[in-house]
Amino acid sequence: MDLSSNLILVIIVTSVATFASRFLGILTAENLSDKSKIFDWFNCVAYSILAALTARMVIFPAGALLESTFLIRLIVIAICIIVFIYSKKNLVLPTIFSFIFLTFLSNMN
């Protein structure tokens, strides 16, 4: 499998895992107010796990990410953080753009 098909698989698996856990959270949190401290805590935990996994992939890449340089991975992360901020914290757009930017920059070498 080449780099682009591996990235597509990673995007699909992580998206399914993210949205499945959120869906299960919605089902189990009927009586939980979205303004409560416990809700904020779970939100912080979710974002911290996402940040830790992203940092791990950038610093200690495995598989297809080994083919890209550290600088390319940092550039992609920086661009995707900007996309995340300007898309009002939408996680789908930066995920799609990360695939596009990483593929484009890796093929430039």
PDB file of N, CA and C in Angstrom:
ATOM      1  N   MET A   1       0.843  -1.189   0.000  1.00  0.00           N
ATOM      2  CA  MET A   1       0.000   0.000   0.000  1.00  0.00           C
ATOM      3  C   MET A   1       0.880   1.242   0.000  1.00  0.00           C
ATOM      4  N   ASP A   2       0.482   2.219  -0.774  1.00  0.00           N
ATOM      5  CA  ASP A   2       1.261   3.441  -0.834  1.00  0.00           C
ATOM      6  C   ASP A   2       0.813   4.427   0.246  1.00  0.00           C
ATOM      7  N   LEU A   3       1.494   5.554   0.298  1.00  0.00           N
ATOM      8  CA  LEU A   3       1.258   6.553   1.344  1.00  0.00           C
ATOM      9  C   LEU A   3      -0.176   7.068   1.331  1.00  0.00           C
ATOM     10  N   SER A   4      -0.716   7.374   0.160  1.00  0.00           N
ATOM     11  CA  SER A   4      -2.044   7.981   0.112  1.00  0.00           C
ATOM     12  C   SER A   4      -3.144   7.003   0.538  1.00  0.00           C
ATOM     13  N   SER A   5      -3.042   5.736   0.168  1.00  0.00           N
ATOM     14  CA  SER A   5      -4.078   4.798   0.587  1.00  0.00           C
ATOM     15  C   SER A   5      -3.992   4.508   2.082  1.00  0.00           C
ATOM     16  N   ASN A   6      -2.795   4.522   2.650  1.00  0.00           N
ATOM     17  CA  ASN A   6      -2.655   4.363   4.104  1.00  0.00           C
ATOM     18  C   ASN A   6      -3.262   5.552   4.836  1.00  0.00           C
ATOM     19  N   LEU A   7      -3.043   6.757   4.312  1.00  0.00           N
ATOM     20  CA  LEU A   7      -3.592   7.945   4.957  1.00  0.00           C
ATOM     21  C   LEU A   7      -5.117   7.953   4.899  1.00  0.00           C
ATOM     22  N   ILE A   8      -5.667   7.501   3.801  1.00  0.00           N
ATOM     23  CA  ILE A   8      -7.117   7.430   3.691  1.00  0.00           C
ATOM     24  C   ILE A   8      -7.659   6.455   4.730  1.00  0.00           C
ATOM     25  N   LEU A   9      -7.013   5.321   4.885  1.00  0.00           N
ATOM     26  CA  LEU A   9      -7.434   4.339   5.883  1.00  0.00           C
ATOM     27  C   LEU A   9      -7.340   4.916   7.294  1.00  0.00           C
ATOM     28  N   VAL A  10      -6.267   5.621   7.594  1.00  0.00           N
ATOM     29  CA  VAL A  10      -6.094   6.235   8.915  1.00  0.00           C
ATOM     30  C   VAL A  10      -7.184   7.271   9.160  1.00  0.00           C
ATOM     31  N   ILE A  11      -7.482   8.091   8.169  1.00  0.00           N
ATOM     32  CA  ILE A  11      -8.525   9.107   8.317  1.00  0.00           C
ATOM     33  C   ILE A  11      -9.881   8.454   8.570  1.00  0.00           C
ATOM     34  N   ILE A  12     -10.184   7.410   7.833  1.00  0.00           N
ATOM     35  CA  ILE A  12     -11.475   6.728   8.004  1.00  0.00           C
ATOM     36  C   ILE A  12     -11.574   6.099   9.390  1.00  0.00           C
ATOM     37  N   VAL A  13     -10.541   5.388   9.810  1.00  0.00           N
ATOM     38  CA  VAL A  13     -10.579   4.709  11.112  1.00  0.00           C
ATOM     39  C   VAL A  13     -10.675   5.715  12.254  1.00  0.00           C
ATOM     40  N   THR A  14      -9.884   6.768  12.207  1.00  0.00           N
ATOM     41  CA  THR A  14      -9.935   7.750  13.293  1.00  0.00           C
ATOM     42  C   THR A  14     -11.247   8.516  13.299  1.00  0.00           C
ATOM     43  N   SER A  15     -11.789   8.786  12.124  1.00  0.00           N
ATOM     44  CA  SER A  15     -13.082   9.475  12.066  1.00  0.00           C
ATOM     45  C   SER A  15     -14.185   8.600  12.644  1.00  0.00           C
ATOM     46  N   VAL A  16     -14.195   7.327  12.285  1.00  0.00           N
ATOM     47  CA  VAL A  16     -15.208   6.411  12.819  1.00  0.00           C
ATOM     48  C   VAL A  16     -15.067   6.303  14.339  1.00  0.00           C
ATOM     49  N   ALA A  17     -13.844   6.170  14.821  1.00  0.00           N
ATOM     50  CA  ALA A  17     -13.637   6.059  16.269  1.00  0.00           C
ATOM     51  C   ALA A  17     -14.085   7.331  16.993  1.00  0.00           C
ATOM     52  N   THR A  18     -13.756   8.477  16.422  1.00  0.00           N
ATOM     53  CA  THR A  18     -14.135   9.745  17.047  1.00  0.00           C
ATOM     54  C   THR A  18     -15.644   9.913  17.090  1.00  0.00           C
ATOM     55  N   PHE A  19     -16.279   9.704  15.947  1.00  0.00           N
ATOM     56  CA  PHE A  19     -17.722   9.938  15.900  1.00  0.00           C
ATOM     57  C   PHE A  19     -18.510   8.843  16.604  1.00  0.00           C
ATOM     58  N   ALA A  20     -18.002   7.615  16.645  1.00  0.00           N
ATOM     59  CA  ALA A  20     -18.676   6.542  17.380  1.00  0.00           C
ATOM     60  C   ALA A  20     -18.654   6.841  18.877  1.00  0.00           C
ATOM     61  N   SER A  21     -17.513   7.285  19.378  1.00  0.00           N
ATOM     62  CA  SER A  21     -17.439   7.590  20.809  1.00  0.00           C
ATOM     63  C   SER A  21     -18.312   8.782  21.158  1.00  0.00           C
ATOM     64  N   ARG A  22     -18.383   9.764  20.274  1.00  0.00           N
ATOM     65  CA  ARG A  22     -19.258  10.915  20.530  1.00  0.00           C
ATOM     66  C   ARG A  22     -20.732  10.507  20.502  1.00  0.00           C
ATOM     67  N   PHE A  23     -21.078   9.632  19.570  1.00  0.00           N
ATOM     68  CA  PHE A  23     -22.450   9.155  19.481  1.00  0.00           C
ATOM     69  C   PHE A  23     -22.835   8.380  20.745  1.00  0.00           C
ATOM     70  N   LEU A  24     -21.938   7.509  21.203  1.00  0.00           N
ATOM     71  CA  LEU A  24     -22.207   6.771  22.439  1.00  0.00           C
ATOM     72  C   LEU A  24     -22.299   7.710  23.631  1.00  0.00           C
ATOM     73  N   GLY A  25     -21.510   8.760  23.607  1.00  0.00           N
ATOM     74  CA  GLY A  25     -21.595   9.761  24.671  1.00  0.00           C
ATOM     75  C   GLY A  25     -22.934  10.473  24.684  1.00  0.00           C
ATOM     76  N   ILE A  26     -23.446  10.764  23.496  1.00  0.00           N
ATOM     77  CA  ILE A  26     -24.764  11.406  23.404  1.00  0.00           C
ATOM     78  C   ILE A  26     -25.844  10.487  23.958  1.00  0.00           C
ATOM     79  N   LEU A  27     -25.751   9.204  23.626  1.00  0.00           N
ATOM     80  CA  LEU A  27     -26.750   8.257  24.105  1.00  0.00           C
ATOM     81  C   LEU A  27     -26.727   8.098  25.616  1.00  0.00           C
ATOM     82  N   THR A  28     -25.561   8.152  26.207  1.00  0.00           N
ATOM     83  CA  THR A  28     -25.438   7.909  27.647  1.00  0.00           C
ATOM     84  C   THR A  28     -25.533   9.177  28.489  1.00  0.00           C
ATOM     85  N   ALA A  29     -25.536  10.334  27.869  1.00  0.00           N
ATOM     86  CA  ALA A  29     -25.495  11.584  28.626  1.00  0.00           C
ATOM     87  C   ALA A  29     -26.789  12.383  28.497  1.00  0.00           C
ATOM     88  N   GLU A  30     -27.911  11.696  28.494  1.00  0.00           N
ATOM     89  CA  GLU A  30     -29.196  12.374  28.323  1.00  0.00           C
ATOM     90  C   GLU A  30     -29.444  13.439  29.392  1.00  0.00           C
ATOM     91  N   ASN A  31     -29.128  13.124  30.623  1.00  0.00           N
ATOM     92  CA  ASN A  31     -29.425  14.037  31.731  1.00  0.00           C
ATOM     93  C   ASN A  31     -28.260  14.951  32.085  1.00  0.00           C
ATOM     94  N   LEU A  32     -27.220  14.939  31.292  1.00  0.00           N
ATOM     95  CA  LEU A  32     -26.033  15.742  31.577  1.00  0.00           C
ATOM     96  C   LEU A  32     -26.129  17.072  30.843  1.00  0.00           C
ATOM     97  N   SER A  33     -26.016  18.144  31.562  1.00  0.00           N
ATOM     98  CA  SER A  33     -26.069  19.474  30.963  1.00  0.00           C
ATOM     99  C   SER A  33     -24.755  19.765  30.244  1.00  0.00           C
ATOM    100  N   ASP A  34     -24.843  20.358  29.061  1.00  0.00           N
ATOM    101  CA  ASP A  34     -23.616  20.687  28.329  1.00  0.00           C
ATOM    102  C   ASP A  34     -22.878  21.865  28.952  1.00  0.00           C
ATOM    103  N   LYS A  35     -23.450  22.464  29.967  1.00  0.00           N
ATOM    104  CA  LYS A  35     -22.795  23.562  30.694  1.00  0.00           C
ATOM    105  C   LYS A  35     -22.166  23.080  32.006  1.00  0.00           C
ATOM    106  N   SER A  36     -22.253  21.778  32.286  1.00  0.00           N
ATOM    107  CA  SER A  36     -21.748  21.269  33.560  1.00  0.00           C
ATOM    108  C   SER A  36     -20.229  21.103  33.531  1.00  0.00           C
ATOM    109  N   LYS A  37     -19.653  21.017  34.707  1.00  0.00           N
ATOM    110  CA  LYS A  37     -18.209  20.854  34.825  1.00  0.00           C
ATOM    111  C   LYS A  37     -17.749  19.480  34.334  1.00  0.00           C
ATOM    112  N   ILE A  38     -18.558  18.455  34.536  1.00  0.00           N
ATOM    113  CA  ILE A  38     -18.186  17.121  34.080  1.00  0.00           C
ATOM    114  C   ILE A  38     -18.149  17.069  32.552  1.00  0.00           C
ATOM    115  N   PHE A  39     -19.070  17.767  31.912  1.00  0.00           N
ATOM    116  CA  PHE A  39     -19.082  17.843  30.456  1.00  0.00           C
ATOM    117  C   PHE A  39     -17.818  18.543  29.968  1.00  0.00           C
ATOM    118  N   ASP A  40     -17.448  19.645  30.599  1.00  0.00           N
ATOM    119  CA  ASP A  40     -16.208  20.352  30.245  1.00  0.00           C
ATOM    120  C   ASP A  40     -14.992  19.457  30.457  1.00  0.00           C
ATOM    121  N   TRP A  41     -14.994  18.690  31.540  1.00  0.00           N
ATOM    122  CA  TRP A  41     -13.866  17.804  31.815  1.00  0.00           C
ATOM    123  C   TRP A  41     -13.715  16.757  30.716  1.00  0.00           C
ATOM    124  N   PHE A  42     -14.820  16.101  30.313  1.00  0.00           N
ATOM    125  CA  PHE A  42     -14.749  15.115  29.239  1.00  0.00           C
ATOM    126  C   PHE A  42     -14.289  15.738  27.933  1.00  0.00           C
ATOM    127  N   ASN A  43     -14.731  16.941  27.667  1.00  0.00           N
ATOM    128  CA  ASN A  43     -14.297  17.646  26.462  1.00  0.00           C
ATOM    129  C   ASN A  43     -12.793  17.904  26.496  1.00  0.00           C
ATOM    130  N   CYS A  44     -12.288  18.325  27.641  1.00  0.00           N
ATOM    131  CA  CYS A  44     -10.840  18.561  27.785  1.00  0.00           C
ATOM    132  C   CYS A  44     -10.050  17.270  27.627  1.00  0.00           C
ATOM    133  N   VAL A  45     -10.539  16.195  28.198  1.00  0.00           N
ATOM    134  CA  VAL A  45      -9.867  14.899  28.071  1.00  0.00           C
ATOM    135  C   VAL A  45      -9.827  14.464  26.607  1.00  0.00           C
ATOM    136  N   ALA A  46     -10.934  14.634  25.900  1.00  0.00           N
ATOM    137  CA  ALA A  46     -10.985  14.238  24.491  1.00  0.00           C
ATOM    138  C   ALA A  46      -9.980  15.031  23.664  1.00  0.00           C
ATOM    139  N   TYR A  47      -9.928  16.343  23.863  1.00  0.00           N
ATOM    140  CA  TYR A  47      -8.980  17.164  23.113  1.00  0.00           C
ATOM    141  C   TYR A  47      -7.533  16.876  23.503  1.00  0.00           C
ATOM    142  N   SER A  48      -7.293  16.569  24.765  1.00  0.00           N
ATOM    143  CA  SER A  48      -5.917  16.273  25.178  1.00  0.00           C
ATOM    144  C   SER A  48      -5.437  14.947  24.583  1.00  0.00           C
ATOM    145  N   ILE A  49      -6.331  13.968  24.495  1.00  0.00           N
ATOM    146  CA  ILE A  49      -5.963  12.691  23.865  1.00  0.00           C
ATOM    147  C   ILE A  49      -5.668  12.911  22.392  1.00  0.00           C
ATOM    148  N   LEU A  50      -6.504  13.693  21.732  1.00  0.00           N
ATOM    149  CA  LEU A  50      -6.277  13.999  20.317  1.00  0.00           C
ATOM    150  C   LEU A  50      -4.946  14.726  20.117  1.00  0.00           C
ATOM    151  N   ALA A  51      -4.649  15.675  20.986  1.00  0.00           N
ATOM    152  CA  ALA A  51      -3.384  16.409  20.887  1.00  0.00           C
ATOM    153  C   ALA A  51      -2.187  15.495  21.141  1.00  0.00           C
ATOM    154  N   ALA A  52      -2.309  14.612  22.117  1.00  0.00           N
ATOM    155  CA  ALA A  52      -1.209  13.692  22.422  1.00  0.00           C
ATOM    156  C   ALA A  52      -0.959  12.728  21.267  1.00  0.00           C
ATOM    157  N   LEU A  53      -2.012  12.203  20.680  1.00  0.00           N
ATOM    158  CA  LEU A  53      -1.840  11.291  19.548  1.00  0.00           C
ATOM    159  C   LEU A  53      -1.264  12.002  18.328  1.00  0.00           C
ATOM    160  N   THR A  54      -1.690  13.229  18.108  1.00  0.00           N
ATOM    161  CA  THR A  54      -1.149  14.013  16.997  1.00  0.00           C
ATOM    162  C   THR A  54       0.335  14.293  17.219  1.00  0.00           C
ATOM    163  N   ALA A  55       0.686  14.683  18.420  1.00  0.00           N
ATOM    164  CA  ALA A  55       2.101  14.947  18.731  1.00  0.00           C
ATOM    165  C   ALA A  55       2.935  13.684  18.564  1.00  0.00           C
ATOM    166  N   ARG A  56       2.401  12.559  18.992  1.00  0.00           N
ATOM    167  CA  ARG A  56       3.124  11.288  18.846  1.00  0.00           C
ATOM    168  C   ARG A  56       3.360  10.960  17.377  1.00  0.00           C
ATOM    169  N   MET A  57       2.348  11.191  16.541  1.00  0.00           N
ATOM    170  CA  MET A  57       2.508  10.903  15.112  1.00  0.00           C
ATOM    171  C   MET A  57       3.527  11.823  14.458  1.00  0.00           C
ATOM    172  N   VAL A  58       3.603  13.061  14.922  1.00  0.00           N
ATOM    173  CA  VAL A  58       4.552  14.007  14.332  1.00  0.00           C
ATOM    174  C   VAL A  58       5.971  13.706  14.797  1.00  0.00           C
ATOM    175  N   ILE A  59       6.141  13.451  16.080  1.00  0.00           N
ATOM    176  CA  ILE A  59       7.490  13.261  16.636  1.00  0.00           C
ATOM    177  C   ILE A  59       8.011  11.850  16.411  1.00  0.00           C
ATOM    178  N   PHE A  60       7.169  10.851  16.593  1.00  0.00           N
ATOM    179  CA  PHE A  60       7.561   9.450  16.429  1.00  0.00           C
ATOM    180  C   PHE A  60       6.670   8.775  15.380  1.00  0.00           C
ATOM    181  N   PRO A  61       6.856   9.109  14.111  1.00  0.00           N
ATOM    182  CA  PRO A  61       5.967   8.554  13.084  1.00  0.00           C
ATOM    183  C   PRO A  61       6.188   7.056  12.896  1.00  0.00           C
ATOM    184  N   ALA A  62       5.156   6.418  12.428  1.00  0.00           N
ATOM    185  CA  ALA A  62       5.234   4.990  12.125  1.00  0.00           C
ATOM    186  C   ALA A  62       4.619   4.770  10.754  1.00  0.00           C
ATOM    187  N   GLY A  63       5.011   3.710  10.121  1.00  0.00           N
ATOM    188  CA  GLY A  63       4.422   3.338   8.838  1.00  0.00           C
ATOM    189  C   GLY A  63       4.702   4.346   7.746  1.00  0.00           C
ATOM    190  N   ALA A  64       3.636   4.755   7.069  1.00  0.00           N
ATOM    191  CA  ALA A  64       3.763   5.642   5.908  1.00  0.00           C
ATOM    192  C   ALA A  64       4.277   7.029   6.285  1.00  0.00           C
ATOM    193  N   LEU A  65       4.038   7.467   7.513  1.00  0.00           N
ATOM    194  CA  LEU A  65       4.519   8.791   7.915  1.00  0.00           C
ATOM    195  C   LEU A  65       6.040   8.864   7.991  1.00  0.00           C
ATOM    196  N   LEU A  66       6.694   7.713   8.082  1.00  0.00           N
ATOM    197  CA  LEU A  66       8.160   7.703   8.083  1.00  0.00           C
ATOM    198  C   LEU A  66       8.727   8.220   6.767  1.00  0.00           C
ATOM    199  N   GLU A  67       7.930   8.157   5.691  1.00  0.00           N
ATOM    200  CA  GLU A  67       8.384   8.615   4.383  1.00  0.00           C
ATOM    201  C   GLU A  67       8.447  10.134   4.286  1.00  0.00           C
ATOM    202  N   SER A  68       7.745  10.840   5.157  1.00  0.00           N
ATOM    203  CA  SER A  68       7.776  12.300   5.134  1.00  0.00           C
ATOM    204  C   SER A  68       8.789  12.806   6.153  1.00  0.00           C
ATOM    205  N   THR A  69       9.317  13.992   5.882  1.00  0.00           N
ATOM    206  CA  THR A  69      10.304  14.572   6.793  1.00  0.00           C
ATOM    207  C   THR A  69       9.597  15.228   7.986  1.00  0.00           C
ATOM    208  N   PHE A  70      10.368  15.466   9.023  1.00  0.00           N
ATOM    209  CA  PHE A  70       9.839  16.115  10.215  1.00  0.00           C
ATOM    210  C   PHE A  70       9.318  17.511   9.877  1.00  0.00           C
ATOM    211  N   LEU A  71      10.032  18.235   9.028  1.00  0.00           N
ATOM    212  CA  LEU A  71       9.620  19.586   8.631  1.00  0.00           C
ATOM    213  C   LEU A  71       8.268  19.563   7.916  1.00  0.00           C
ATOM    214  N   ILE A  72       8.075  18.611   7.021  1.00  0.00           N
ATOM    215  CA  ILE A  72       6.793  18.498   6.316  1.00  0.00           C
ATOM    216  C   ILE A  72       5.671  18.222   7.300  1.00  0.00           C
ATOM    217  N   ARG A  73       5.902  17.334   8.245  1.00  0.00           N
ATOM    218  CA  ARG A  73       4.870  17.031   9.241  1.00  0.00           C
ATOM    219  C   ARG A  73       4.537  18.258  10.080  1.00  0.00           C
ATOM    220  N   LEU A  74       5.546  19.046  10.442  1.00  0.00           N
ATOM    221  CA  LEU A  74       5.299  20.274  11.212  1.00  0.00           C
ATOM    222  C   LEU A  74       4.520  21.303  10.398  1.00  0.00           C
ATOM    223  N   ILE A  75       4.858  21.446   9.130  1.00  0.00           N
ATOM    224  CA  ILE A  75       4.141  22.388   8.262  1.00  0.00           C
ATOM    225  C   ILE A  75       2.678  21.985   8.145  1.00  0.00           C
ATOM    226  N   VAL A  76       2.431  20.697   7.943  1.00  0.00           N
ATOM    227  CA  VAL A  76       1.048  20.208   7.824  1.00  0.00           C
ATOM    228  C   VAL A  76       0.284  20.468   9.115  1.00  0.00           C
ATOM    229  N   ILE A  77       0.896  20.220  10.254  1.00  0.00           N
ATOM    230  CA  ILE A  77       0.238  20.463  11.543  1.00  0.00           C
ATOM    231  C   ILE A  77      -0.080  21.951  11.700  1.00  0.00           C
ATOM    232  N   ALA A  78       0.869  22.817  11.372  1.00  0.00           N
ATOM    233  CA  ALA A  78       0.637  24.258  11.500  1.00  0.00           C
ATOM    234  C   ALA A  78      -0.512  24.719  10.608  1.00  0.00           C
ATOM    235  N   ILE A  79      -0.529  24.253   9.372  1.00  0.00           N
ATOM    236  CA  ILE A  79      -1.615  24.622   8.455  1.00  0.00           C
ATOM    237  C   ILE A  79      -2.954  24.102   8.975  1.00  0.00           C
ATOM    238  N   CYS A  80      -2.961  22.886   9.471  1.00  0.00           N
ATOM    239  CA  CYS A  80      -4.216  22.302   9.955  1.00  0.00           C
ATOM    240  C   CYS A  80      -4.716  22.959  11.233  1.00  0.00           C
ATOM    241  N   ILE A  81      -3.825  23.454  12.067  1.00  0.00           N
ATOM    242  CA  ILE A  81      -4.252  24.207  13.247  1.00  0.00           C
ATOM    243  C   ILE A  81      -4.926  25.501  12.812  1.00  0.00           C
ATOM    244  N   ILE A  82      -4.367  26.154  11.800  1.00  0.00           N
ATOM    245  CA  ILE A  82      -4.976  27.376  11.263  1.00  0.00           C
ATOM    246  C   ILE A  82      -6.350  27.073  10.665  1.00  0.00           C
ATOM    247  N   VAL A  83      -6.444  25.977   9.897  1.00  0.00           N
ATOM    248  CA  VAL A  83      -7.739  25.574   9.329  1.00  0.00           C
ATOM    249  C   VAL A  83      -8.726  25.272  10.454  1.00  0.00           C
ATOM    250  N   PHE A  84      -8.275  24.593  11.496  1.00  0.00           N
ATOM    251  CA  PHE A  84      -9.125  24.271  12.645  1.00  0.00           C
ATOM    252  C   PHE A  84      -9.678  25.539  13.296  1.00  0.00           C
ATOM    253  N   ILE A  85      -8.824  26.518  13.505  1.00  0.00           N
ATOM    254  CA  ILE A  85      -9.247  27.766  14.151  1.00  0.00           C
ATOM    255  C   ILE A  85     -10.225  28.533  13.269  1.00  0.00           C
ATOM    256  N   TYR A  86      -9.899  28.664  11.981  1.00  0.00           N
ATOM    257  CA  TYR A  86     -10.763  29.431  11.083  1.00  0.00           C
ATOM    258  C   TYR A  86     -12.044  28.695  10.696  1.00  0.00           C
ATOM    259  N   SER A  87     -12.097  27.388  10.900  1.00  0.00           N
ATOM    260  CA  SER A  87     -13.323  26.641  10.596  1.00  0.00           C
ATOM    261  C   SER A  87     -14.192  26.474  11.840  1.00  0.00           C
ATOM    262  N   LYS A  88     -13.943  27.308  12.846  1.00  0.00           N
ATOM    263  CA  LYS A  88     -14.719  27.303  14.093  1.00  0.00           C
ATOM    264  C   LYS A  88     -14.664  25.956  14.800  1.00  0.00           C
ATOM    265  N   LYS A  89     -13.462  25.406  14.899  1.00  0.00           N
ATOM    266  CA  LYS A  89     -13.158  24.161  15.607  1.00  0.00           C
ATOM    267  C   LYS A  89     -13.825  22.935  14.984  1.00  0.00           C
ATOM    268  N   ASN A  90     -13.919  22.929  13.689  1.00  0.00           N
ATOM    269  CA  ASN A  90     -14.412  21.778  12.942  1.00  0.00           C
ATOM    270  C   ASN A  90     -13.253  20.802  12.776  1.00  0.00           C
ATOM    271  N   LEU A  91     -13.426  19.549  13.164  1.00  0.00           N
ATOM    272  CA  LEU A  91     -12.339  18.574  13.072  1.00  0.00           C
ATOM    273  C   LEU A  91     -12.257  17.892  11.702  1.00  0.00           C
ATOM    274  N   VAL A  92     -13.338  17.941  10.934  1.00  0.00           N
ATOM    275  CA  VAL A  92     -13.354  17.248   9.648  1.00  0.00           C
ATOM    276  C   VAL A  92     -12.470  17.961   8.627  1.00  0.00           C
ATOM    277  N   LEU A  93     -12.606  19.280   8.533  1.00  0.00           N
ATOM    278  CA  LEU A  93     -11.817  20.021   7.539  1.00  0.00           C
ATOM    279  C   LEU A  93     -10.307  19.877   7.731  1.00  0.00           C
ATOM    280  N   PRO A  94      -9.771  20.053   8.946  1.00  0.00           N
ATOM    281  CA  PRO A  94      -8.331  19.864   9.099  1.00  0.00           C
ATOM    282  C   PRO A  94      -7.880  18.433   8.797  1.00  0.00           C
ATOM    283  N   THR A  95      -8.735  17.472   9.086  1.00  0.00           N
ATOM    284  CA  THR A  95      -8.391  16.078   8.782  1.00  0.00           C
ATOM    285  C   THR A  95      -8.259  15.877   7.281  1.00  0.00           C
ATOM    286  N   ILE A  96      -9.203  16.400   6.529  1.00  0.00           N
ATOM    287  CA  ILE A  96      -9.146  16.285   5.069  1.00  0.00           C
ATOM    288  C   ILE A  96      -7.956  17.059   4.515  1.00  0.00           C
ATOM    289  N   PHE A  97      -7.760  18.291   5.011  1.00  0.00           N
ATOM    290  CA  PHE A  97      -6.645  19.088   4.533  1.00  0.00           C
ATOM    291  C   PHE A  97      -5.296  18.473   4.902  1.00  0.00           C
ATOM    292  N   SER A  98      -5.214  17.808   6.045  1.00  0.00           N
ATOM    293  CA  SER A  98      -3.947  17.173   6.433  1.00  0.00           C
ATOM    294  C   SER A  98      -3.546  16.115   5.421  1.00  0.00           C
ATOM    295  N   PHE A  99      -4.507  15.335   4.968  1.00  0.00           N
ATOM    296  CA  PHE A  99      -4.240  14.328   3.947  1.00  0.00           C
ATOM    297  C   PHE A  99      -3.767  14.990   2.651  1.00  0.00           C
ATOM    298  N   ILE A 100      -4.464  16.031   2.235  1.00  0.00           N
ATOM    299  CA  ILE A 100      -4.117  16.711   0.984  1.00  0.00           C
ATOM    300  C   ILE A 100      -2.735  17.348   1.081  1.00  0.00           C
ATOM    301  N   PHE A 101      -2.487  18.102   2.156  1.00  0.00           N
ATOM    302  CA  PHE A 101      -1.199  18.786   2.304  1.00  0.00           C
ATOM    303  C   PHE A 101      -0.043  17.802   2.454  1.00  0.00           C
ATOM    304  N   LEU A 102      -0.233  16.762   3.243  1.00  0.00           N
ATOM    305  CA  LEU A 102       0.839  15.789   3.441  1.00  0.00           C
ATOM    306  C   LEU A 102       1.168  15.057   2.143  1.00  0.00           C
ATOM    307  N   THR A 103       0.140  14.693   1.407  1.00  0.00           N
ATOM    308  CA  THR A 103       0.366  14.032   0.121  1.00  0.00           C
ATOM    309  C   THR A 103       1.084  14.961  -0.842  1.00  0.00           C
ATOM    310  N   PHE A 104       0.624  16.204  -0.935  1.00  0.00           N
ATOM    311  CA  PHE A 104       1.227  17.185  -1.851  1.00  0.00           C
ATOM    312  C   PHE A 104       2.676  17.468  -1.481  1.00  0.00           C
ATOM    313  N   LEU A 105       2.929  17.772  -0.214  1.00  0.00           N
ATOM    314  CA  LEU A 105       4.292  18.115   0.208  1.00  0.00           C
ATOM    315  C   LEU A 105       5.247  16.919   0.139  1.00  0.00           C
ATOM    316  N   SER A 106       4.747  15.737   0.439  1.00  0.00           N
ATOM    317  CA  SER A 106       5.602  14.548   0.372  1.00  0.00           C
ATOM    318  C   SER A 106       5.970  14.201  -1.063  1.00  0.00           C
ATOM    319  N   ASN A 107       5.078  14.465  -2.005  1.00  0.00           N
ATOM    320  CA  ASN A 107       5.363  14.177  -3.407  1.00  0.00           C
ATOM    321  C   ASN A 107       6.237  15.240  -4.060  1.00  0.00           C
ATOM    322  N   MET A 108       6.432  16.378  -3.410  1.00  0.00           N
ATOM    323  CA  MET A 108       7.313  17.423  -3.945  1.00  0.00           C
ATOM    324  C   MET A 108       8.775  17.039  -3.798  1.00  0.00           C
ATOM    325  N   ASN A 109       9.088  16.189  -2.843  1.00  0.00           N
ATOM    326  CA  ASN A 109      10.498  15.811  -2.593  1.00  0.00           C
ATOM    327  C   ASN A 109      11.029  14.918  -3.678  1.00  0.00           C
TER     328      ASN A 109
END
